[in-house]
Amino acid sequence: MFSIISNRIFSDGNKRTGLEANLLFLWLNGFGLFDSVGSSEKAPIPSDQLYDFTIAVASGERDSDAVRV
């Protein structure tokens, strides 16, 4: 995700591609992104949080270490 977004390998769509590649990688390896804060059940992370994180990576507010966590 970090490399696709930061290196801007496409003329358009780097953030969308980086996020989708990351989600696919996690899914293929048996993982997912879930928001368990305030709930006993797993719920998908809201799209606005994914958007905010992706924008933070693109703007340089988050580095590669933040993406790994």
PDB file of N, CA and C in Angstrom:
ATOM      1  N   MET A   1       0.825  -1.185   0.000  1.00  0.00           N
ATOM      2  CA  MET A   1       0.000   0.000   0.000  1.00  0.00           C
ATOM      3  C   MET A   1       0.873   1.254   0.000  1.00  0.00           C
ATOM      4  N   PHE A   2       1.820   1.284   0.911  1.00  0.00           N
ATOM      5  CA  PHE A   2       2.681   2.464   1.023  1.00  0.00           C
ATOM      6  C   PHE A   2       3.447   2.716  -0.272  1.00  0.00           C
ATOM      7  N   SER A   3       4.033   1.684  -0.850  1.00  0.00           N
ATOM      8  CA  SER A   3       4.842   1.856  -2.062  1.00  0.00           C
ATOM      9  C   SER A   3       3.999   2.301  -3.251  1.00  0.00           C
ATOM     10  N   ILE A   4       2.826   1.710  -3.415  1.00  0.00           N
ATOM     11  CA  ILE A   4       1.972   2.087  -4.549  1.00  0.00           C
ATOM     12  C   ILE A   4       1.528   3.534  -4.418  1.00  0.00           C
ATOM     13  N   ILE A   5       1.115   3.931  -3.215  1.00  0.00           N
ATOM     14  CA  ILE A   5       0.631   5.298  -3.010  1.00  0.00           C
ATOM     15  C   ILE A   5       1.778   6.302  -3.081  1.00  0.00           C
ATOM     16  N   SER A   6       2.881   6.010  -2.413  1.00  0.00           N
ATOM     17  CA  SER A   6       3.974   6.982  -2.311  1.00  0.00           C
ATOM     18  C   SER A   6       4.773   7.140  -3.602  1.00  0.00           C
ATOM     19  N   ASN A   7       4.957   6.060  -4.339  1.00  0.00           N
ATOM     20  CA  ASN A   7       5.759   6.125  -5.560  1.00  0.00           C
ATOM     21  C   ASN A   7       4.964   6.536  -6.785  1.00  0.00           C
ATOM     22  N   ARG A   8       3.653   6.615  -6.645  1.00  0.00           N
ATOM     23  CA  ARG A   8       2.763   7.091  -7.723  1.00  0.00           C
ATOM     24  C   ARG A   8       3.094   6.414  -9.057  1.00  0.00           C
ATOM     25  N   ILE A   9       2.908   5.092  -9.072  1.00  0.00           N
ATOM     26  CA  ILE A   9       3.259   4.330 -10.266  1.00  0.00           C
ATOM     27  C   ILE A   9       2.277   4.536 -11.420  1.00  0.00           C
ATOM     28  N   PHE A  10       1.086   5.034 -11.123  1.00  0.00           N
ATOM     29  CA  PHE A  10       0.089   5.314 -12.163  1.00  0.00           C
ATOM     30  C   PHE A  10      -0.138   6.823 -12.242  1.00  0.00           C
ATOM     31  N   SER A  11      -0.687   7.277 -13.340  1.00  0.00           N
ATOM     32  CA  SER A  11      -0.992   8.702 -13.453  1.00  0.00           C
ATOM     33  C   SER A  11      -2.242   9.068 -12.662  1.00  0.00           C
ATOM     34  N   ASP A  12      -3.085   8.084 -12.367  1.00  0.00           N
ATOM     35  CA  ASP A  12      -4.303   8.316 -11.593  1.00  0.00           C
ATOM     36  C   ASP A  12      -4.684   7.014 -10.897  1.00  0.00           C
ATOM     37  N   GLY A  13      -5.274   7.110  -9.735  1.00  0.00           N
ATOM     38  CA  GLY A  13      -5.787   5.931  -9.056  1.00  0.00           C
ATOM     39  C   GLY A  13      -4.822   5.236  -8.120  1.00  0.00           C
ATOM     40  N   ASN A  14      -3.737   5.890  -7.746  1.00  0.00           N
ATOM     41  CA  ASN A  14      -2.745   5.253  -6.879  1.00  0.00           C
ATOM     42  C   ASN A  14      -3.287   4.957  -5.486  1.00  0.00           C
ATOM     43  N   LYS A  15      -4.069   5.875  -4.929  1.00  0.00           N
ATOM     44  CA  LYS A  15      -4.620   5.650  -3.589  1.00  0.00           C
ATOM     45  C   LYS A  15      -5.633   4.510  -3.612  1.00  0.00           C
ATOM     46  N   ARG A  16      -6.502   4.505  -4.597  1.00  0.00           N
ATOM     47  CA  ARG A  16      -7.496   3.420  -4.708  1.00  0.00           C
ATOM     48  C   ARG A  16      -6.805   2.082  -4.931  1.00  0.00           C
ATOM     49  N   THR A  17      -5.821   2.055  -5.807  1.00  0.00           N
ATOM     50  CA  THR A  17      -5.100   0.814  -6.089  1.00  0.00           C
ATOM     51  C   THR A  17      -4.323   0.331  -4.876  1.00  0.00           C
ATOM     52  N   GLY A  18      -3.673   1.242  -4.174  1.00  0.00           N
ATOM     53  CA  GLY A  18      -2.910   0.878  -2.983  1.00  0.00           C
ATOM     54  C   GLY A  18      -3.799   0.299  -1.896  1.00  0.00           C
ATOM     55  N   LEU A  19      -4.937   0.924  -1.661  1.00  0.00           N
ATOM     56  CA  LEU A  19      -5.863   0.425  -0.641  1.00  0.00           C
ATOM     57  C   LEU A  19      -6.412  -0.935  -1.037  1.00  0.00           C
ATOM     58  N   GLU A  20      -6.863  -1.083  -2.264  1.00  0.00           N
ATOM     59  CA  GLU A  20      -7.420  -2.359  -2.713  1.00  0.00           C
ATOM     60  C   GLU A  20      -6.379  -3.470  -2.707  1.00  0.00           C
ATOM     61  N   ALA A  21      -5.144  -3.155  -3.103  1.00  0.00           N
ATOM     62  CA  ALA A  21      -4.071  -4.155  -3.072  1.00  0.00           C
ATOM     63  C   ALA A  21      -3.816  -4.610  -1.637  1.00  0.00           C
ATOM     64  N   ASN A  22      -3.842  -3.666  -0.712  1.00  0.00           N
ATOM     65  CA  ASN A  22      -3.640  -3.994   0.693  1.00  0.00           C
ATOM     66  C   ASN A  22      -4.774  -4.875   1.221  1.00  0.00           C
ATOM     67  N   LEU A  23      -6.014  -4.511   0.926  1.00  0.00           N
ATOM     68  CA  LEU A  23      -7.157  -5.306   1.382  1.00  0.00           C
ATOM     69  C   LEU A  23      -7.137  -6.707   0.775  1.00  0.00           C
ATOM     70  N   LEU A  24      -6.785  -6.814  -0.502  1.00  0.00           N
ATOM     71  CA  LEU A  24      -6.705  -8.120  -1.158  1.00  0.00           C
ATOM     72  C   LEU A  24      -5.593  -8.966  -0.547  1.00  0.00           C
ATOM     73  N   PHE A  25      -4.440  -8.371  -0.304  1.00  0.00           N
ATOM     74  CA  PHE A  25      -3.329  -9.086   0.315  1.00  0.00           C
ATOM     75  C   PHE A  25      -3.738  -9.651   1.669  1.00  0.00           C
ATOM     76  N   LEU A  26      -4.378  -8.830   2.478  1.00  0.00           N
ATOM     77  CA  LEU A  26      -4.830  -9.298   3.791  1.00  0.00           C
ATOM     78  C   LEU A  26      -5.829 -10.440   3.648  1.00  0.00           C
ATOM     79  N   TRP A  27      -6.795 -10.288   2.762  1.00  0.00           N
ATOM     80  CA  TRP A  27      -7.827 -11.304   2.564  1.00  0.00           C
ATOM     81  C   TRP A  27      -7.221 -12.626   2.088  1.00  0.00           C
ATOM     82  N   LEU A  28      -6.300 -12.558   1.134  1.00  0.00           N
ATOM     83  CA  LEU A  28      -5.666 -13.773   0.619  1.00  0.00           C
ATOM     84  C   LEU A  28      -4.853 -14.498   1.687  1.00  0.00           C
ATOM     85  N   ASN A  29      -4.410 -13.771   2.690  1.00  0.00           N
ATOM     86  CA  ASN A  29      -3.625 -14.358   3.763  1.00  0.00           C
ATOM     87  C   ASN A  29      -4.439 -14.622   5.032  1.00  0.00           C
ATOM     88  N   GLY A  30      -5.754 -14.568   4.900  1.00  0.00           N
ATOM     89  CA  GLY A  30      -6.641 -14.922   6.000  1.00  0.00           C
ATOM     90  C   GLY A  30      -6.854 -13.843   7.042  1.00  0.00           C
ATOM     91  N   PHE A  31      -6.581 -12.614   6.688  1.00  0.00           N
ATOM     92  CA  PHE A  31      -6.761 -11.509   7.622  1.00  0.00           C
ATOM     93  C   PHE A  31      -7.785 -10.526   7.078  1.00  0.00           C
ATOM     94  N   GLY A  32      -8.256  -9.667   7.926  1.00  0.00           N
ATOM     95  CA  GLY A  32      -9.173  -8.613   7.520  1.00  0.00           C
ATOM     96  C   GLY A  32      -9.025  -7.434   8.449  1.00  0.00           C
ATOM     97  N   LEU A  33      -9.618  -6.334   8.072  1.00  0.00           N
ATOM     98  CA  LEU A  33      -9.600  -5.137   8.904  1.00  0.00           C
ATOM     99  C   LEU A  33     -10.947  -5.018   9.587  1.00  0.00           C
ATOM    100  N   PHE A  34     -10.927  -5.066  10.911  1.00  0.00           N
ATOM    101  CA  PHE A  34     -12.163  -4.983  11.666  1.00  0.00           C
ATOM    102  C   PHE A  34     -12.046  -3.936  12.750  1.00  0.00           C
ATOM    103  N   ASP A  35     -13.158  -3.302  13.044  1.00  0.00           N
ATOM    104  CA  ASP A  35     -13.246  -2.301  14.088  1.00  0.00           C
ATOM    105  C   ASP A  35     -13.932  -2.934  15.287  1.00  0.00           C
ATOM    106  N   SER A  36     -13.168  -3.206  16.338  1.00  0.00           N
ATOM    107  CA  SER A  36     -13.746  -3.847  17.511  1.00  0.00           C
ATOM    108  C   SER A  36     -13.855  -2.891  18.690  1.00  0.00           C
ATOM    109  N   VAL A  37     -13.594  -1.621  18.460  1.00  0.00           N
ATOM    110  CA  VAL A  37     -13.656  -0.635  19.539  1.00  0.00           C
ATOM    111  C   VAL A  37     -15.112  -0.401  19.920  1.00  0.00           C
ATOM    112  N   GLY A  38     -15.421  -0.600  21.197  1.00  0.00           N
ATOM    113  CA  GLY A  38     -16.765  -0.341  21.692  1.00  0.00           C
ATOM    114  C   GLY A  38     -17.772  -1.410  21.365  1.00  0.00           C
ATOM    115  N   SER A  39     -17.318  -2.552  20.872  1.00  0.00           N
ATOM    116  CA  SER A  39     -18.247  -3.614  20.515  1.00  0.00           C
ATOM    117  C   SER A  39     -17.591  -4.959  20.784  1.00  0.00           C
ATOM    118  N   SER A  40     -18.409  -5.933  21.144  1.00  0.00           N
ATOM    119  CA  SER A  40     -17.870  -7.275  21.370  1.00  0.00           C
ATOM    120  C   SER A  40     -17.810  -8.073  20.072  1.00  0.00           C
ATOM    121  N   GLU A  41     -18.445  -7.568  19.024  1.00  0.00           N
ATOM    122  CA  GLU A  41     -18.451  -8.256  17.735  1.00  0.00           C
ATOM    123  C   GLU A  41     -17.553  -7.532  16.742  1.00  0.00           C
ATOM    124  N   LYS A  42     -17.028  -8.318  15.809  1.00  0.00           N
ATOM    125  CA  LYS A  42     -16.201  -7.730  14.751  1.00  0.00           C
ATOM    126  C   LYS A  42     -17.110  -7.060  13.730  1.00  0.00           C
ATOM    127  N   ALA A  43     -16.752  -5.859  13.361  1.00  0.00           N
ATOM    128  CA  ALA A  43     -17.474  -5.126  12.327  1.00  0.00           C
ATOM    129  C   ALA A  43     -16.445  -4.554  11.370  1.00  0.00           C
ATOM    130  N   PRO A  44     -16.764  -4.496  10.091  1.00  0.00           N
ATOM    131  CA  PRO A  44     -15.811  -3.909   9.140  1.00  0.00           C
ATOM    132  C   PRO A  44     -15.477  -2.472   9.520  1.00  0.00           C
ATOM    133  N   ILE A  45     -14.248  -2.086   9.259  1.00  0.00           N
ATOM    134  CA  ILE A  45     -13.841  -0.700   9.517  1.00  0.00           C
ATOM    135  C   ILE A  45     -14.648   0.208   8.591  1.00  0.00           C
ATOM    136  N   PRO A  46     -15.199   1.277   9.135  1.00  0.00           N
ATOM    137  CA  PRO A  46     -15.972   2.204   8.301  1.00  0.00           C
ATOM    138  C   PRO A  46     -15.132   2.779   7.160  1.00  0.00           C
ATOM    139  N   SER A  47     -15.774   2.985   6.032  1.00  0.00           N
ATOM    140  CA  SER A  47     -15.059   3.455   4.842  1.00  0.00           C
ATOM    141  C   SER A  47     -14.438   4.833   5.059  1.00  0.00           C
ATOM    142  N   ASP A  48     -15.036   5.663   5.910  1.00  0.00           N
ATOM    143  CA  ASP A  48     -14.439   6.979   6.132  1.00  0.00           C
ATOM    144  C   ASP A  48     -13.106   6.869   6.878  1.00  0.00           C
ATOM    145  N   GLN A  49     -12.940   5.863   7.730  1.00  0.00           N
ATOM    146  CA  GLN A  49     -11.656   5.653   8.403  1.00  0.00           C
ATOM    147  C   GLN A  49     -10.607   5.132   7.419  1.00  0.00           C
ATOM    148  N   LEU A  50     -11.013   4.244   6.514  1.00  0.00           N
ATOM    149  CA  LEU A  50     -10.084   3.773   5.472  1.00  0.00           C
ATOM    150  C   LEU A  50      -9.658   4.933   4.578  1.00  0.00           C
ATOM    151  N   TYR A  51     -10.607   5.781   4.235  1.00  0.00           N
ATOM    152  CA  TYR A  51     -10.315   6.954   3.414  1.00  0.00           C
ATOM    153  C   TYR A  51      -9.317   7.869   4.119  1.00  0.00           C
ATOM    154  N   ASP A  52      -9.581   8.176   5.391  1.00  0.00           N
ATOM    155  CA  ASP A  52      -8.702   9.068   6.140  1.00  0.00           C
ATOM    156  C   ASP A  52      -7.284   8.501   6.244  1.00  0.00           C
ATOM    157  N   PHE A  53      -7.175   7.199   6.489  1.00  0.00           N
ATOM    158  CA  PHE A  53      -5.851   6.584   6.597  1.00  0.00           C
ATOM    159  C   PHE A  53      -5.129   6.631   5.252  1.00  0.00           C
ATOM    160  N   THR A  54      -5.836   6.337   4.181  1.00  0.00           N
ATOM    161  CA  THR A  54      -5.236   6.360   2.843  1.00  0.00           C
ATOM    162  C   THR A  54      -4.746   7.761   2.491  1.00  0.00           C
ATOM    163  N   ILE A  55      -5.535   8.766   2.805  1.00  0.00           N
ATOM    164  CA  ILE A  55      -5.133  10.153   2.550  1.00  0.00           C
ATOM    165  C   ILE A  55      -3.920  10.516   3.408  1.00  0.00           C
ATOM    166  N   ALA A  56      -3.873  10.032   4.638  1.00  0.00           N
ATOM    167  CA  ALA A  56      -2.721  10.296   5.512  1.00  0.00           C
ATOM    168  C   ALA A  56      -1.449   9.678   4.949  1.00  0.00           C
ATOM    169  N   VAL A  57      -1.557   8.501   4.366  1.00  0.00           N
ATOM    170  CA  VAL A  57      -0.389   7.873   3.731  1.00  0.00           C
ATOM    171  C   VAL A  57       0.045   8.708   2.526  1.00  0.00           C
ATOM    172  N   ALA A  58      -0.912   9.129   1.718  1.00  0.00           N
ATOM    173  CA  ALA A  58      -0.584   9.896   0.508  1.00  0.00           C
ATOM    174  C   ALA A  58       0.033  11.252   0.835  1.00  0.00           C
ATOM    175  N   SER A  59      -0.397  11.861   1.931  1.00  0.00           N
ATOM    176  CA  SER A  59       0.116  13.188   2.277  1.00  0.00           C
ATOM    177  C   SER A  59       1.412  13.135   3.073  1.00  0.00           C
ATOM    178  N   GLY A  60       1.859  11.932   3.424  1.00  0.00           N
ATOM    179  CA  GLY A  60       3.109  11.788   4.155  1.00  0.00           C
ATOM    180  C   GLY A  60       2.945  11.830   5.667  1.00  0.00           C
ATOM    181  N   GLU A  61       1.701  11.926   6.156  1.00  0.00           N
ATOM    182  CA  GLU A  61       1.459  11.932   7.601  1.00  0.00           C
ATOM    183  C   GLU A  61       1.714  10.559   8.220  1.00  0.00           C
ATOM    184  N   ARG A  62       1.605   9.509   7.424  1.00  0.00           N
ATOM    185  CA  ARG A  62       1.863   8.147   7.885  1.00  0.00           C
ATOM    186  C   ARG A  62       3.011   7.582   7.065  1.00  0.00           C
ATOM    187  N   ASP A  63       3.947   6.914   7.744  1.00  0.00           N
ATOM    188  CA  ASP A  63       5.073   6.317   7.038  1.00  0.00           C
ATOM    189  C   ASP A  63       4.840   4.811   6.855  1.00  0.00           C
ATOM    190  N   SER A  64       5.825   4.140   6.300  1.00  0.00           N
ATOM    191  CA  SER A  64       5.663   2.704   6.018  1.00  0.00           C
ATOM    192  C   SER A  64       5.473   1.896   7.290  1.00  0.00           C
ATOM    193  N   ASP A  65       6.038   2.334   8.399  1.00  0.00           N
ATOM    194  CA  ASP A  65       5.837   1.613   9.670  1.00  0.00           C
ATOM    195  C   ASP A  65       4.374   1.657  10.110  1.00  0.00           C
ATOM    196  N   ALA A  66       3.702   2.773   9.881  1.00  0.00           N
ATOM    197  CA  ALA A  66       2.291   2.897  10.252  1.00  0.00           C
ATOM    198  C   ALA A  66       1.425   1.971   9.400  1.00  0.00           C
ATOM    199  N   VAL A  67       1.819   1.729   8.168  1.00  0.00           N
ATOM    200  CA  VAL A  67       1.056   0.849   7.296  1.00  0.00           C
ATOM    201  C   VAL A  67       1.243  -0.611   7.707  1.00  0.00           C
ATOM    202  N   ARG A  68       2.404  -0.946   8.224  1.00  0.00           N
ATOM    203  CA  ARG A  68       2.684  -2.324   8.644  1.00  0.00           C
ATOM    204  C   ARG A  68       1.892  -2.741   9.858  1.00  0.00           C
ATOM    205  N   VAL A  69       1.531  -1.815  10.707  1.00  0.00           N
ATOM    206  CA  VAL A  69       0.875  -2.157  11.981  1.00  0.00           C
ATOM    207  C   VAL A  69      -0.524  -2.627  11.758  1.00  0.00           C
TER     208      VAL A  69
END
